[in-house]
Amino acid sequence: MRITDMNSWAVVRFLAAVGKIIGYHLPCRNVSSKFFFFPFLHVGGAEKVHADIVNCVADSKPWVFFTKRSVNSKFRKLYSPNIRLFNFWALLKYAYPLSVGIMAGLINRHKKPVVFGSNSLFFYLMLPHLRPDVLKIDLLHAFGGGAEHFSLPIVDRLDFRVVINDGVLAELNSQYTSHGLAPSLLARVVLIENMVQLPERPPKKGDVPRLRVLYVGRSGVEKRVHLVGRTARQCREESLSAEFVLVGDLKTSVEATDHESCLFMGEVSDLDELSRIYDEADVLLLTSSREGFPLVVMEAMAHGVVPICTRVGGIPRHVLQGNNGFLVKNGEEEKIVGDMVTILRTLSEDRVLLGNLSRAAFDHASAAFGPKKFCSAYRNLLQNR
């Protein structure tokens, strides 16, 4: 049974109906009529994207609700002061289905409301309780996180679905077809690629003796951070002049025998400090088994950092083999490590090539990942009444 099927239970319907009455009479009003539902406030690529989206309409003073417990609230500062943030996740989670009804009732009393969600089960559970004329939009970052499955029963209620690359669009097409969903539902899918802030000029790379290799991110199983550690160890064993810098809560994800080959920076939430780290780096490693299109690749390229990535998800759309970065076949782990070491040796020995790739990465990011295009697309979508 899918968890969204609980909406059909009589007791759930009753409690949600009671909640809708309560929500409708709450003495508060959202002047923007824009409501966003995201799981977390903590540090992460998806969390950065969520803040970027809401900031595009910050002038309207939207409301944002966080539906799960965050590890920390370090990304609270990314949101404009105009945005109201509500982090009473425990009430939303543990007071279900009353909480779903309360939120739906509150939203339904607004004129022309817009509801936007991503990676949030609460958001999908709430959709059937909203008025038909409420504009409902979700964002699907990638397949594999679960949202693509638990959202299936209610995709016909979505007015728009946002995807961040062609790969996710193709997977949605395949999923809809295999589940016998109406082809017209695919016409509601909108492609909007993520954004990054761009430096005014490309940082100069390759002018230090040691190659500076960077990993930035979290430690999920699919990230395979242990391969970064193995790559660092093999480079040291082969006397390759390279320093490996890991940003994130990653020590437990790297094998103990590889720790001495890595410099662990810990979690960095200050964007100026993170920008400095990118400016000082030459190469980004990404060893994931699956991805959408990671924000870290966009940020790295914007700072002229050459990406070396496994060929997964939407990465090949922007990382062009031998032009602005390198792609490694997503195969056996030891082969991935060996291929990355070979590429790193080439870049360490050929600094002219490194410089050319760095400039190409910066130029590609400048053309593809600018904030103006991103915000224009989201403003148009969120005002589509």
Foldseek 3Di string as FASTA:
>chain_A
DFPLCCCVDPVQVVLLQVLLVQLLPPPDAQQLLEEEEEAEQDDAQVNLQVQLLCQLVLVSQEEYEHQYDYPDNLNVVSHDPSHHYHDPNCCLPVVPPSNLSNVQNNSQNDDQHEYEYEPDPSLLSNLVSHDLSHAYEYEYEAPDSCCLPSNVVPLVSHQAYEYAAVLRLVVNVVVCVVVVHDPVSSVRYDHFHAADDFDPDAFFDDPDLAAEEEEEGEQDPQQQCQLVLVLLVVCVVVVHRYAYEYEEPPPVSHDPVSVVSHHYPYHDSPVVVVLVVLLHHLAYETLGLEGAAGPVLLSNLSNLHAYEYEPYHRPCVQNPDLQQHHYDHNDDSVSSSVVVNVVSSVCSVDVVSSRRSSVRSNVSSVVRRHSVSNSVVSVCSRPVD
